[in-house]
Protein backbone atom coordinates (compact mmCIF):
# COMPACT_ATOMS: atom_id res chain seq x y z
CA MET A 1 107.76 304.94 304.99
CA THR A 2 110.27 302.51 303.68
CA ALA A 3 113.91 303.21 303.21
CA ASN A 4 117.23 301.52 303.69
CA ALA A 5 117.93 301.21 307.43
CA SER A 6 121.33 302.87 307.02
CA GLU A 7 119.62 305.96 305.60
CA THR A 8 117.04 306.35 308.39
CA VAL A 9 116.65 306.33 312.15
CA ARG A 10 113.55 305.21 314.03
CA ILE A 11 112.05 307.95 316.17
CA TYR A 12 108.64 308.41 317.75
CA ILE A 13 106.30 311.34 317.24
CA ASN A 14 103.11 311.35 319.31
CA ALA A 15 103.77 307.69 320.21
CA ARG A 16 103.88 306.62 316.55
CA PRO A 17 107.02 305.13 315.02
CA VAL A 18 108.52 307.28 312.29
CA ASP A 19 111.48 306.52 310.05
CA ALA A 20 113.33 309.83 309.81
CA ASP A 21 116.15 310.58 307.42
CA ARG A 22 119.54 310.25 309.08
CA GLY A 23 120.66 313.80 309.88
CA ALA A 24 117.10 315.20 310.03
CA THR A 25 116.01 317.73 312.62
CA PRO A 26 112.81 317.22 314.65
CA LEU A 27 110.97 319.69 312.43
CA ALA A 28 112.17 318.01 309.22
CA ALA A 29 111.07 314.62 310.57
CA LEU A 30 107.68 316.05 311.50
CA GLU A 31 107.36 317.64 308.06
CA ARG A 32 107.83 314.24 306.44
CA HIS A 33 105.45 312.51 308.88
CA ASP A 34 102.74 315.18 309.25
CA PRO A 35 103.11 318.30 307.07
CA ALA A 36 100.05 319.98 308.59
CA ALA A 37 101.48 319.67 312.12
CA ALA A 38 104.84 321.01 310.90
CA THR A 39 103.05 324.05 309.50
CA LEU A 40 101.43 324.68 312.90
CA VAL A 41 104.86 324.48 314.56
CA ARG A 42 106.23 327.03 312.09
CA GLN A 43 103.24 329.30 312.77
CA GLY A 44 103.84 329.07 316.52
CA SER A 45 100.55 327.49 317.60
CA ARG A 46 102.22 324.11 318.25
CA VAL A 47 105.60 323.15 319.74
CA ILE A 48 107.66 319.99 319.44
CA VAL A 49 108.65 318.75 322.91
CA ASP A 50 111.01 315.96 323.90
CA HIS A 51 110.31 312.97 326.12
CA ARG A 52 110.59 315.19 329.22
CA GLY A 53 108.04 317.68 327.91
CA LEU A 54 110.67 320.34 327.25
CA PRO A 55 110.77 322.20 323.93
CA ALA A 56 112.99 320.23 321.57
CA PRO A 57 115.92 322.13 320.01
CA LEU A 58 114.73 322.28 316.40
CA GLU A 59 118.24 322.63 314.98
CA GLU A 60 119.61 319.44 316.54
CA VAL A 61 119.76 316.14 314.68
CA VAL A 62 117.40 313.38 315.79
CA THR A 63 118.90 310.11 316.99
CA ASN A 64 117.61 306.57 316.92
CA GLY A 65 114.92 306.19 319.60
CA SER A 66 114.22 309.91 320.05
CA ILE A 67 110.74 310.62 321.39
CA PHE A 68 108.79 313.76 320.52
CA ARG A 69 105.28 315.08 321.00
CA VAL A 70 103.56 317.96 319.27
CA VAL A 71 101.63 320.04 321.80
CA SER A 72 99.88 323.38 322.01
CA SER A 73 102.33 326.23 322.46
CA LYS A 74 100.36 327.22 325.59
CA GLN A 75 100.79 323.71 326.99
CA ALA A 76 104.56 323.85 326.50
CA SER A 77 105.04 327.18 328.28
């Protein structure tokens, strides 16, 4: 993904660097990076967790350096 640095922030999803749109939510960033995984999150079989392993608030805006993992919903509970 290439974009002007002022328009994106660098985050990490499953240990891979991702350039997310500035103002994106974790789910929107995942959708751009891995649409199939985003679908699983919407269906409830997967959950986006933060660097501590806690479910990430999906309505919050990602910030530069944010770290997320996509895990089984059973694993996150």
